[in-house]
Amino acid sequence: MTAAPSPNPRIPFDQELCGLVLDTAPRLFAVVQVCDEGREDADGWVAAWGLVDHAGPTHVISLDGRARMTLPSPERALCHFAGRPGITARLVWLAQPDTAAIDRPAAA
């Protein structure tokens, strides 16, 4: 008895592509500034967004778009957003995605 051919032979290939995307997906993080950290009236806001891949540099852009940086690591971004009296900076990582899907454009 032979197995019937799959009605959609692209499915295994699509799954392989999705796996490749997940394996190589960059990580996304926010640089958050905090004023008066540790005090009851502390305040915080997102100052920048960053993107880092497994083997490359870190790219950071400020929320207002005025500052764009390429740095050797995400932690280096903290130096650029802290330093003023009473202001500290933190990295907040978005969760790594665990699913991917192929989006096929509609035929014209």
Protein backbone atom coordinates (compact mmCIF):
# COMPACT_ATOMS: atom_id res chain seq x y z
CA MET A 1 0.00 0.00 0.00
CA THR A 2 1.40 3.39 -0.96
CA ALA A 3 0.63 6.67 0.71
CA ALA A 4 -1.51 9.08 -1.24
CA PRO A 5 0.26 12.25 -2.26
CA SER A 6 -0.41 15.24 -0.03
CA PRO A 7 -3.16 17.47 -1.42
CA ASN A 8 -0.84 20.44 -0.79
CA PRO A 9 2.85 19.54 -1.22
CA ARG A 10 3.83 23.07 -0.12
CA ILE A 11 2.79 22.50 3.51
CA PRO A 12 6.05 20.78 4.62
CA PHE A 13 8.08 23.45 2.81
CA ASP A 14 5.98 26.24 4.35
CA GLN A 15 6.51 24.72 7.79
CA GLU A 16 10.25 24.58 7.13
CA LEU A 17 10.25 28.25 6.11
CA CYS A 18 8.32 29.21 9.25
CA GLY A 19 10.80 27.28 11.38
CA LEU A 20 13.68 29.08 9.68
CA VAL A 21 12.04 32.43 10.38
CA LEU A 22 11.52 31.58 14.06
CA ASP A 23 15.10 30.32 14.42
CA THR A 24 16.57 33.52 13.02
CA ALA A 25 14.05 36.09 14.29
CA PRO A 26 15.62 39.18 15.86
CA ARG A 27 14.70 40.11 19.40
CA LEU A 28 12.78 43.31 20.03
CA PHE A 29 13.18 45.43 23.14
CA ALA A 30 12.26 48.82 24.52
CA VAL A 31 14.58 51.20 26.33
CA VAL A 32 12.56 52.55 29.22
CA GLN A 33 13.59 55.63 31.18
CA VAL A 34 12.64 55.83 34.83
CA CYS A 35 12.56 58.97 36.93
CA ASP A 36 13.05 58.71 40.70
CA GLU A 37 13.32 54.91 40.66
CA GLY A 38 12.67 53.32 44.03
CA ARG A 39 10.45 56.14 45.23
CA GLU A 40 6.71 56.00 45.60
CA ASP A 41 6.23 58.69 42.95
CA ALA A 42 8.53 57.05 40.35
CA ASP A 43 7.53 57.46 36.72
CA GLY A 44 8.61 55.71 33.54
CA TRP A 45 8.22 55.94 29.77
CA VAL A 46 9.46 54.28 26.59
CA ALA A 47 12.36 56.29 25.16
CA ALA A 48 13.43 54.00 22.30
CA TRP A 49 12.94 50.67 20.54
CA GLY A 50 15.72 48.27 19.69
CA LEU A 51 16.29 45.23 17.51
CA VAL A 52 19.10 42.71 17.91
CA ASP A 53 19.80 39.49 16.06
CA HIS A 54 21.81 36.51 17.22
CA ALA A 55 25.14 37.40 15.69
CA GLY A 56 24.98 41.04 14.70
CA PRO A 57 24.81 44.56 15.97
CA THR A 58 21.97 46.19 17.88
CA HIS A 59 19.86 48.84 16.18
CA VAL A 60 18.12 51.43 18.34
CA ILE A 61 15.81 54.29 17.37
CA SER A 62 14.44 56.83 19.80
CA LEU A 63 10.69 57.16 20.06
CA ASP A 64 10.77 60.60 18.46
CA GLY A 65 12.96 59.29 15.62
CA ARG A 66 15.73 61.83 16.20
CA ALA A 67 18.34 59.35 17.41
CA ARG A 68 19.33 56.22 15.48
CA MET A 69 22.18 54.09 16.72
CA THR A 70 23.98 50.91 15.80
CA LEU A 71 25.65 49.50 18.90
CA PRO A 72 27.58 46.33 19.77
CA SER A 73 24.97 45.23 22.36
CA PRO A 74 21.56 46.22 23.74
CA GLU A 75 23.12 47.12 27.10
CA ARG A 76 25.15 49.86 25.40
CA ALA A 77 21.90 51.68 24.64
CA LEU A 78 21.39 52.25 28.35
CA CYS A 79 24.36 54.64 28.45
CA HIS A 80 22.65 56.89 25.90
CA PHE A 81 19.34 57.10 27.76
CA ALA A 82 20.54 57.37 31.36
CA GLY A 83 22.92 59.78 32.98
CA ARG A 84 20.74 62.76 33.69
CA PRO A 85 20.25 63.29 37.43
CA GLY A 86 17.39 61.11 38.71
CA ILE A 87 16.95 59.27 35.37
CA THR A 88 17.86 55.61 34.94
CA ALA A 89 17.29 53.35 31.94
CA ARG A 90 16.23 49.72 31.61
CA LEU A 91 15.78 47.20 28.83
CA VAL A 92 12.35 45.59 28.57
CA TRP A 93 12.31 42.58 26.22
CA LEU A 94 9.28 41.52 24.24
CA ALA A 95 8.66 37.79 24.38
CA GLN A 96 10.26 35.76 21.61
CA PRO A 97 7.56 34.70 19.11
CA ASP A 98 6.74 31.02 18.99
CA THR A 99 4.60 30.89 15.85
CA ALA A 100 4.91 32.06 12.27
CA ALA A 101 2.59 31.93 9.28
CA ILE A 102 2.98 32.31 5.53
CA ASP A 103 0.95 35.19 4.12
CA ARG A 104 0.28 34.65 0.45
CA PRO A 105 -0.83 37.69 -1.52
CA ALA A 106 -4.02 37.29 -3.49
CA ALA A 107 -3.58 36.74 -7.22
CA ALA A 108 -4.27 39.80 -9.32
